[in-house]
Amino acid sequence: MISKCANPMCSTPLIYLREGKIFFVEDKPGPVLVKSKPSHCAEHFWLCGPCSVSLTLTVDGIRGVQVVPKTSPRQPPRARRAYAASA
């Protein structure tokens, strides 16, 4: 359960969803040796209003979910972006 802003430098508690951004991150499993039901893990992250203005989340296979500064439109993102829910 989300309890505070995903920015480790921020301690804003999640009280209402009307401010900030919710991110949905789905971890797709690697190759499976035995056929079974596909298992997908999903996590939700929240950036508070002030943090979501200048920060976003990226997903990296090695480092996992990272809070990074937003890039300008001319710069390509360094890693796959997390899905932000539109409010």
PDB file of N, CA and C in Angstrom:
ATOM      1  N   MET A   1       0.843  -1.178   0.000  1.00  0.00           N
ATOM      2  CA  MET A   1       0.000   0.000   0.000  1.00  0.00           C
ATOM      3  C   MET A   1       0.892   1.246   0.000  1.00  0.00           C
ATOM      4  N   ILE A   2       0.491   2.234  -0.741  1.00  0.00           N
ATOM      5  CA  ILE A   2       1.238   3.488  -0.824  1.00  0.00           C
ATOM      6  C   ILE A   2       0.953   4.298   0.434  1.00  0.00           C
ATOM      7  N   SER A   3       2.004   4.755   1.095  1.00  0.00           N
ATOM      8  CA  SER A   3       1.777   5.539   2.300  1.00  0.00           C
ATOM      9  C   SER A   3       2.406   6.926   2.234  1.00  0.00           C
ATOM     10  N   LYS A   4       3.410   7.105   1.345  1.00  0.00           N
ATOM     11  CA  LYS A   4       4.060   8.410   1.236  1.00  0.00           C
ATOM     12  C   LYS A   4       4.604   8.596  -0.172  1.00  0.00           C
ATOM     13  N   CYS A   5       5.097   9.794  -0.416  1.00  0.00           N
ATOM     14  CA  CYS A   5       5.677  10.134  -1.713  1.00  0.00           C
ATOM     15  C   CYS A   5       6.832   9.180  -2.037  1.00  0.00           C
ATOM     16  N   ALA A   6       6.961   8.783  -3.297  1.00  0.00           N
ATOM     17  CA  ALA A   6       8.013   7.865  -3.732  1.00  0.00           C
ATOM     18  C   ALA A   6       9.397   8.510  -3.716  1.00  0.00           C
ATOM     19  N   ASN A   7       9.446   9.830  -3.655  1.00  0.00           N
ATOM     20  CA  ASN A   7      10.731  10.529  -3.589  1.00  0.00           C
ATOM     21  C   ASN A   7      11.335  10.274  -2.211  1.00  0.00           C
ATOM     22  N   PRO A   8      12.512   9.629  -2.135  1.00  0.00           N
ATOM     23  CA  PRO A   8      13.101   9.339  -0.823  1.00  0.00           C
ATOM     24  C   PRO A   8      13.453  10.594  -0.025  1.00  0.00           C
ATOM     25  N   MET A   9      13.591  11.725  -0.701  1.00  0.00           N
ATOM     26  CA  MET A   9      13.921  12.982  -0.025  1.00  0.00           C
ATOM     27  C   MET A   9      12.673  13.716   0.482  1.00  0.00           C
ATOM     28  N   CYS A  10      11.498  13.165   0.232  1.00  0.00           N
ATOM     29  CA  CYS A  10      10.235  13.803   0.617  1.00  0.00           C
ATOM     30  C   CYS A  10       9.497  12.882   1.579  1.00  0.00           C
ATOM     31  N   SER A  11       8.881  13.451   2.571  1.00  0.00           N
ATOM     32  CA  SER A  11       8.137  12.631   3.536  1.00  0.00           C
ATOM     33  C   SER A  11       6.647  12.957   3.554  1.00  0.00           C
ATOM     34  N   THR A  12       6.140  13.524   2.451  1.00  0.00           N
ATOM     35  CA  THR A  12       4.720  13.881   2.386  1.00  0.00           C
ATOM     36  C   THR A  12       3.866  12.614   2.430  1.00  0.00           C
ATOM     37  N   PRO A  13       2.958  12.496   3.401  1.00  0.00           N
ATOM     38  CA  PRO A  13       2.100  11.311   3.473  1.00  0.00           C
ATOM     39  C   PRO A  13       0.985  11.385   2.438  1.00  0.00           C
ATOM     40  N   LEU A  14       0.586  10.217   1.941  1.00  0.00           N
ATOM     41  CA  LEU A  14      -0.541  10.139   1.008  1.00  0.00           C
ATOM     42  C   LEU A  14      -1.823  10.162   1.817  1.00  0.00           C
ATOM     43  N   ILE A  15      -2.586  11.239   1.635  1.00  0.00           N
ATOM     44  CA  ILE A  15      -3.878  11.361   2.325  1.00  0.00           C
ATOM     45  C   ILE A  15      -5.002  11.379   1.291  1.00  0.00           C
ATOM     46  N   TYR A  16      -4.831  12.189   0.249  1.00  0.00           N
ATOM     47  CA  TYR A  16      -5.821  12.290  -0.822  1.00  0.00           C
ATOM     48  C   TYR A  16      -5.139  12.078  -2.167  1.00  0.00           C
ATOM     49  N   LEU A  17      -5.862  11.521  -3.125  1.00  0.00           N
ATOM     50  CA  LEU A  17      -5.307  11.294  -4.462  1.00  0.00           C
ATOM     51  C   LEU A  17      -5.516  12.475  -5.394  1.00  0.00           C
ATOM     52  N   ARG A  18      -6.062  13.555  -4.906  1.00  0.00           N
ATOM     53  CA  ARG A  18      -6.357  14.687  -5.793  1.00  0.00           C
ATOM     54  C   ARG A  18      -5.112  15.495  -6.153  1.00  0.00           C
ATOM     55  N   GLU A  19      -4.009  15.280  -5.459  1.00  0.00           N
ATOM     56  CA  GLU A  19      -2.784  16.016  -5.753  1.00  0.00           C
ATOM     57  C   GLU A  19      -1.666  15.021  -6.040  1.00  0.00           C
ATOM     58  N   GLY A  20      -0.858  15.311  -7.055  1.00  0.00           N
ATOM     59  CA  GLY A  20       0.266  14.453  -7.387  1.00  0.00           C
ATOM     60  C   GLY A  20      -0.066  13.482  -8.500  1.00  0.00           C
ATOM     61  N   LYS A  21       0.776  12.462  -8.649  1.00  0.00           N
ATOM     62  CA  LYS A  21       0.601  11.467  -9.702  1.00  0.00           C
ATOM     63  C   LYS A  21       0.793  10.070  -9.147  1.00  0.00           C
ATOM     64  N   ILE A  22      -0.061   9.158  -9.592  1.00  0.00           N
ATOM     65  CA  ILE A  22       0.042   7.742  -9.264  1.00  0.00           C
ATOM     66  C   ILE A  22       0.712   7.056 -10.448  1.00  0.00           C
ATOM     67  N   PHE A  23       1.661   6.183 -10.181  1.00  0.00           N
ATOM     68  CA  PHE A  23       2.351   5.420 -11.217  1.00  0.00           C
ATOM     69  C   PHE A  23       2.059   3.943 -11.020  1.00  0.00           C
ATOM     70  N   PHE A  24       1.763   3.264 -12.117  1.00  0.00           N
ATOM     71  CA  PHE A  24       1.512   1.830 -12.122  1.00  0.00           C
ATOM     72  C   PHE A  24       2.705   1.175 -12.800  1.00  0.00           C
ATOM     73  N   VAL A  25       3.397   0.309 -12.090  1.00  0.00           N
ATOM     74  CA  VAL A  25       4.574  -0.358 -12.635  1.00  0.00           C
ATOM     75  C   VAL A  25       4.306  -1.851 -12.630  1.00  0.00           C
ATOM     76  N   GLU A  26       4.383  -2.438 -13.817  1.00  0.00           N
ATOM     77  CA  GLU A  26       4.156  -3.870 -13.951  1.00  0.00           C
ATOM     78  C   GLU A  26       5.477  -4.549 -14.227  1.00  0.00           C
ATOM     79  N   ASP A  27       5.790  -5.562 -13.444  1.00  0.00           N
ATOM     80  CA  ASP A  27       7.017  -6.320 -13.618  1.00  0.00           C
ATOM     81  C   ASP A  27       6.677  -7.572 -14.407  1.00  0.00           C
ATOM     82  N   LYS A  28       7.129  -7.616 -15.641  1.00  0.00           N
ATOM     83  CA  LYS A  28       6.853  -8.785 -16.467  1.00  0.00           C
ATOM     84  C   LYS A  28       7.909  -9.847 -16.185  1.00  0.00           C
ATOM     85  N   PRO A  29       7.473 -11.070 -15.902  1.00  0.00           N
ATOM     86  CA  PRO A  29       8.433 -12.119 -15.562  1.00  0.00           C
ATOM     87  C   PRO A  29       9.267 -12.530 -16.769  1.00  0.00           C
ATOM     88  N   GLY A  30      10.417 -13.098 -16.487  1.00  0.00           N
ATOM     89  CA  GLY A  30      11.306 -13.596 -17.539  1.00  0.00           C
ATOM     90  C   GLY A  30      10.813 -14.921 -18.080  1.00  0.00           C
ATOM     91  N   PRO A  31      11.662 -15.636 -18.814  1.00  0.00           N
ATOM     92  CA  PRO A  31      11.258 -16.919 -19.384  1.00  0.00           C
ATOM     93  C   PRO A  31      10.876 -17.924 -18.293  1.00  0.00           C
ATOM     94  N   VAL A  32       9.846 -18.702 -18.576  1.00  0.00           N
ATOM     95  CA  VAL A  32       9.379 -19.709 -17.623  1.00  0.00           C
ATOM     96  C   VAL A  32       9.695 -21.077 -18.197  1.00  0.00           C
ATOM     97  N   LEU A  33      10.308 -21.927 -17.381  1.00  0.00           N
ATOM     98  CA  LEU A  33      10.670 -23.267 -17.847  1.00  0.00           C
ATOM     99  C   LEU A  33       9.491 -24.227 -17.804  1.00  0.00           C
ATOM    100  N   VAL A  34       8.606 -24.050 -16.855  1.00  0.00           N
ATOM    101  CA  VAL A  34       7.440 -24.910 -16.717  1.00  0.00           C
ATOM    102  C   VAL A  34       6.218 -24.084 -17.076  1.00  0.00           C
ATOM    103  N   LYS A  35       5.345 -24.643 -17.920  1.00  0.00           N
ATOM    104  CA  LYS A  35       4.140 -23.901 -18.296  1.00  0.00           C
ATOM    105  C   LYS A  35       3.229 -23.779 -17.081  1.00  0.00           C
ATOM    106  N   SER A  36       2.852 -22.571 -16.799  1.00  0.00           N
ATOM    107  CA  SER A  36       1.930 -22.308 -15.709  1.00  0.00           C
ATOM    108  C   SER A  36       1.202 -21.018 -16.016  1.00  0.00           C
ATOM    109  N   LYS A  37       0.347 -20.612 -15.119  1.00  0.00           N
ATOM    110  CA  LYS A  37      -0.339 -19.340 -15.306  1.00  0.00           C
ATOM    111  C   LYS A  37       0.691 -18.218 -15.270  1.00  0.00           C
ATOM    112  N   PRO A  38       0.582 -17.247 -16.179  1.00  0.00           N
ATOM    113  CA  PRO A  38       1.523 -16.131 -16.128  1.00  0.00           C
ATOM    114  C   PRO A  38       1.327 -15.336 -14.840  1.00  0.00           C
ATOM    115  N   SER A  39       2.435 -15.019 -14.200  1.00  0.00           N
ATOM    116  CA  SER A  39       2.341 -14.239 -12.973  1.00  0.00           C
ATOM    117  C   SER A  39       2.920 -12.859 -13.219  1.00  0.00           C
ATOM    118  N   HIS A  40       2.099 -11.864 -13.047  1.00  0.00           N
ATOM    119  CA  HIS A  40       2.525 -10.482 -13.217  1.00  0.00           C
ATOM    120  C   HIS A  40       2.468  -9.804 -11.857  1.00  0.00           C
ATOM    121  N   CYS A  41       3.525  -9.111 -11.544  1.00  0.00           N
ATOM    122  CA  CYS A  41       3.553  -8.337 -10.308  1.00  0.00           C
ATOM    123  C   CYS A  41       3.320  -6.886 -10.678  1.00  0.00           C
ATOM    124  N   ALA A  42       2.487  -6.222  -9.946  1.00  0.00           N
ATOM    125  CA  ALA A  42       2.212  -4.813 -10.199  1.00  0.00           C
ATOM    126  C   ALA A  42       2.372  -4.044  -8.900  1.00  0.00           C
ATOM    127  N   GLU A  43       2.959  -2.857  -9.012  1.00  0.00           N
ATOM    128  CA  GLU A  43       3.116  -1.981  -7.861  1.00  0.00           C
ATOM    129  C   GLU A  43       2.635  -0.597  -8.227  1.00  0.00           C
ATOM    130  N   HIS A  44       2.186   0.129  -7.234  1.00  0.00           N
ATOM    131  CA  HIS A  44       1.771   1.511  -7.423  1.00  0.00           C
ATOM    132  C   HIS A  44       2.705   2.414  -6.626  1.00  0.00           C
ATOM    133  N   PHE A  45       3.056   3.536  -7.224  1.00  0.00           N
ATOM    134  CA  PHE A  45       3.894   4.530  -6.573  1.00  0.00           C
ATOM    135  C   PHE A  45       3.197   5.873  -6.715  1.00  0.00           C
ATOM    136  N   TRP A  46       3.451   6.782  -5.791  1.00  0.00           N
ATOM    137  CA  TRP A  46       2.830   8.096  -5.815  1.00  0.00           C
ATOM    138  C   TRP A  46       3.886   9.159  -5.614  1.00  0.00           C
ATOM    139  N   LEU A  47       3.852  10.192  -6.466  1.00  0.00           N
ATOM    140  CA  LEU A  47       4.662  11.390  -6.270  1.00  0.00           C
ATOM    141  C   LEU A  47       3.718  12.499  -5.864  1.00  0.00           C
ATOM    142  N   CYS A  48       4.026  13.193  -4.768  1.00  0.00           N
ATOM    143  CA  CYS A  48       3.172  14.284  -4.302  1.00  0.00           C
ATOM    144  C   CYS A  48       3.171  15.420  -5.334  1.00  0.00           C
ATOM    145  N   GLY A  49       2.275  16.362  -5.194  1.00  0.00           N
ATOM    146  CA  GLY A  49       2.146  17.466  -6.143  1.00  0.00           C
ATOM    147  C   GLY A  49       3.446  18.214  -6.400  1.00  0.00           C
ATOM    148  N   PRO A  50       4.125  18.724  -5.363  1.00  0.00           N
ATOM    149  CA  PRO A  50       5.370  19.457  -5.606  1.00  0.00           C
ATOM    150  C   PRO A  50       6.454  18.597  -6.267  1.00  0.00           C
ATOM    151  N   CYS A  51       6.578  17.341  -5.876  1.00  0.00           N
ATOM    152  CA  CYS A  51       7.607  16.473  -6.470  1.00  0.00           C
ATOM    153  C   CYS A  51       7.261  16.093  -7.913  1.00  0.00           C
ATOM    154  N   SER A  52       5.962  15.909  -8.215  1.00  0.00           N
ATOM    155  CA  SER A  52       5.565  15.491  -9.560  1.00  0.00           C
ATOM    156  C   SER A  52       5.765  16.586 -10.603  1.00  0.00           C
ATOM    157  N   VAL A  53       5.967  17.827 -10.156  1.00  0.00           N
ATOM    158  CA  VAL A  53       6.215  18.919 -11.100  1.00  0.00           C
ATOM    159  C   VAL A  53       7.568  18.736 -11.789  1.00  0.00           C
ATOM    160  N   SER A  54       8.580  18.304 -11.039  1.00  0.00           N
ATOM    161  CA  SER A  54       9.932  18.216 -11.604  1.00  0.00           C
ATOM    162  C   SER A  54      10.498  16.810 -11.658  1.00  0.00           C
ATOM    163  N   LEU A  55       9.797  15.827 -11.080  1.00  0.00           N
ATOM    164  CA  LEU A  55      10.308  14.455 -11.046  1.00  0.00           C
ATOM    165  C   LEU A  55       9.345  13.486 -11.704  1.00  0.00           C
ATOM    166  N   THR A  56       9.873  12.343 -12.119  1.00  0.00           N
ATOM    167  CA  THR A  56       9.068  11.255 -12.646  1.00  0.00           C
ATOM    168  C   THR A  56       9.726   9.945 -12.221  1.00  0.00           C
ATOM    169  N   LEU A  57       9.103   8.819 -12.557  1.00  0.00           N
ATOM    170  CA  LEU A  57       9.674   7.513 -12.240  1.00  0.00           C
ATOM    171  C   LEU A  57      10.120   6.825 -13.510  1.00  0.00           C
ATOM    172  N   THR A  58      11.217   6.093 -13.428  1.00  0.00           N
ATOM    173  CA  THR A  58      11.659   5.237 -14.522  1.00  0.00           C
ATOM    174  C   THR A  58      11.854   3.843 -13.965  1.00  0.00           C
ATOM    175  N   VAL A  59      11.803   2.857 -14.852  1.00  0.00           N
ATOM    176  CA  VAL A  59      11.989   1.469 -14.461  1.00  0.00           C
ATOM    177  C   VAL A  59      13.206   0.940 -15.188  1.00  0.00           C
ATOM    178  N   ASP A  60      14.134   0.397 -14.443  1.00  0.00           N
ATOM    179  CA  ASP A  60      15.369  -0.146 -14.983  1.00  0.00           C
ATOM    180  C   ASP A  60      15.457  -1.596 -14.523  1.00  0.00           C
ATOM    181  N   GLY A  61      15.814  -2.497 -15.419  1.00  0.00           N
ATOM    182  CA  GLY A  61      15.906  -3.915 -15.072  1.00  0.00           C
ATOM    183  C   GLY A  61      16.928  -4.212 -13.996  1.00  0.00           C
ATOM    184  N   ILE A  62      17.916  -3.364 -13.836  1.00  0.00           N
ATOM    185  CA  ILE A  62      18.959  -3.591 -12.840  1.00  0.00           C
ATOM    186  C   ILE A  62      18.669  -2.834 -11.549  1.00  0.00           C
ATOM    187  N   ARG A  63      18.362  -1.552 -11.680  1.00  0.00           N
ATOM    188  CA  ARG A  63      18.165  -0.709 -10.498  1.00  0.00           C
ATOM    189  C   ARG A  63      16.728  -0.663 -10.011  1.00  0.00           C
ATOM    190  N   GLY A  64      15.795  -1.151 -10.789  1.00  0.00           N
ATOM    191  CA  GLY A  64      14.390  -1.129 -10.395  1.00  0.00           C
ATOM    192  C   GLY A  64      13.760   0.225 -10.650  1.00  0.00           C
ATOM    193  N   VAL A  65      12.823   0.607  -9.811  1.00  0.00           N
ATOM    194  CA  VAL A  65      12.111   1.878  -9.956  1.00  0.00           C
ATOM    195  C   VAL A  65      12.992   2.987  -9.382  1.00  0.00           C
ATOM    196  N   GLN A  66      13.195   4.030 -10.173  1.00  0.00           N
ATOM    197  CA  GLN A  66      14.032   5.154  -9.772  1.00  0.00           C
ATOM    198  C   GLN A  66      13.256   6.459  -9.922  1.00  0.00           C
ATOM    199  N   VAL A  67      13.439   7.365  -8.980  1.00  0.00           N
ATOM    200  CA  VAL A  67      12.886   8.718  -9.078  1.00  0.00           C
ATOM    201  C   VAL A  67      13.947   9.557  -9.768  1.00  0.00           C
ATOM    202  N   VAL A  68      13.589  10.159 -10.909  1.00  0.00           N
ATOM    203  CA  VAL A  68      14.553  10.933 -11.703  1.00  0.00           C
ATOM    204  C   VAL A  68      13.935  12.270 -12.113  1.00  0.00           C
ATOM    205  N   PRO A  69      14.784  13.257 -12.412  1.00  0.00           N
ATOM    206  CA  PRO A  69      14.259  14.525 -12.924  1.00  0.00           C
ATOM    207  C   PRO A  69      13.590  14.311 -14.277  1.00  0.00           C
ATOM    208  N   LYS A  70      12.541  15.088 -14.537  1.00  0.00           N
ATOM    209  CA  LYS A  70      11.889  15.017 -15.849  1.00  0.00           C
ATOM    210  C   LYS A  70      12.868  15.505 -16.905  1.00  0.00           C
ATOM    211  N   THR A  71      12.838  14.870 -18.078  1.00  0.00           N
ATOM    212  CA  THR A  71      13.709  15.276 -19.170  1.00  0.00           C
ATOM    213  C   THR A  71      12.983  16.264 -20.064  1.00  0.00           C
ATOM    214  N   SER A  72      13.749  17.070 -20.758  1.00  0.00           N
ATOM    215  CA  SER A  72      13.136  17.986 -21.719  1.00  0.00           C
ATOM    216  C   SER A  72      12.654  17.184 -22.914  1.00  0.00           C
ATOM    217  N   PRO A  73      11.721  17.718 -23.718  1.00  0.00           N
ATOM    218  CA  PRO A  73      11.190  16.973 -24.865  1.00  0.00           C
ATOM    219  C   PRO A  73      12.264  16.576 -25.873  1.00  0.00           C
ATOM    220  N   ARG A  74      13.378  17.273 -25.910  1.00  0.00           N
ATOM    221  CA  ARG A  74      14.426  16.964 -26.885  1.00  0.00           C
ATOM    222  C   ARG A  74      15.330  15.829 -26.430  1.00  0.00           C
ATOM    223  N   GLN A  75      15.365  15.530 -25.144  1.00  0.00           N
ATOM    224  CA  GLN A  75      16.222  14.478 -24.633  1.00  0.00           C
ATOM    225  C   GLN A  75      15.452  13.167 -24.558  1.00  0.00           C
ATOM    226  N   PRO A  76      16.039  12.071 -25.067  1.00  0.00           N
ATOM    227  CA  PRO A  76      15.363  10.778 -24.925  1.00  0.00           C
ATOM    228  C   PRO A  76      15.467  10.293 -23.486  1.00  0.00           C
ATOM    229  N   PRO A  77      14.447   9.594 -22.984  1.00  0.00           N
ATOM    230  CA  PRO A  77      14.526   9.066 -21.628  1.00  0.00           C
ATOM    231  C   PRO A  77      15.615   8.011 -21.530  1.00  0.00           C
ATOM    232  N   ARG A  78      16.253   7.908 -20.352  1.00  0.00           N
ATOM    233  CA  ARG A  78      17.345   6.959 -20.161  1.00  0.00           C
ATOM    234  C   ARG A  78      16.848   5.541 -19.942  1.00  0.00           C
ATOM    235  N   ALA A  79      15.647   5.367 -19.471  1.00  0.00           N
ATOM    236  CA  ALA A  79      15.112   4.043 -19.191  1.00  0.00           C
ATOM    237  C   ALA A  79      13.624   4.045 -19.509  1.00  0.00           C
ATOM    238  N   ARG A  80      13.034   2.878 -19.477  1.00  0.00           N
ATOM    239  CA  ARG A  80      11.606   2.750 -19.724  1.00  0.00           C
ATOM    240  C   ARG A  80      10.842   3.508 -18.654  1.00  0.00           C
ATOM    241  N   ARG A  81       9.883   4.331 -19.050  1.00  0.00           N
ATOM    242  CA  ARG A  81       9.117   5.127 -18.087  1.00  0.00           C
ATOM    243  C   ARG A  81       7.998   4.285 -17.490  1.00  0.00           C
ATOM    244  N   ALA A  82       7.668   4.588 -16.265  1.00  0.00           N
ATOM    245  CA  ALA A  82       6.524   3.953 -15.611  1.00  0.00           C
ATOM    246  C   ALA A  82       5.253   4.587 -16.167  1.00  0.00           C
ATOM    247  N   TYR A  83       4.151   3.874 -16.098  1.00  0.00           N
ATOM    248  CA  TYR A  83       2.886   4.398 -16.582  1.00  0.00           C
ATOM    249  C   TYR A  83       2.283   5.309 -15.524  1.00  0.00           C
ATOM    250  N   ALA A  84       2.017   6.547 -15.889  1.00  0.00           N
ATOM    251  CA  ALA A  84       1.372   7.481 -14.966  1.00  0.00           C
ATOM    252  C   ALA A  84      -0.119   7.481 -15.229  1.00  0.00           C
ATOM    253  N   ALA A  85      -0.874   7.338 -14.175  1.00  0.00           N
ATOM    254  CA  ALA A  85      -2.331   7.395 -14.306  1.00  0.00           C
ATOM    255  C   ALA A  85      -2.727   8.840 -14.501  1.00  0.00           C
ATOM    256  N   SER A  86      -3.590   9.099 -15.455  1.00  0.00           N
ATOM    257  CA  SER A  86      -4.015  10.477 -15.694  1.00  0.00           C
ATOM    258  C   SER A  86      -5.135  10.826 -14.735  1.00  0.00           C
ATOM    259  N   ALA A  87      -5.077  12.034 -14.232  1.00  0.00           N
ATOM    260  CA  ALA A  87      -6.092  12.460 -13.267  1.00  0.00           C
ATOM    261  C   ALA A  87      -7.043  13.441 -13.897  1.00  0.00           C
TER     262      ALA A  87
END
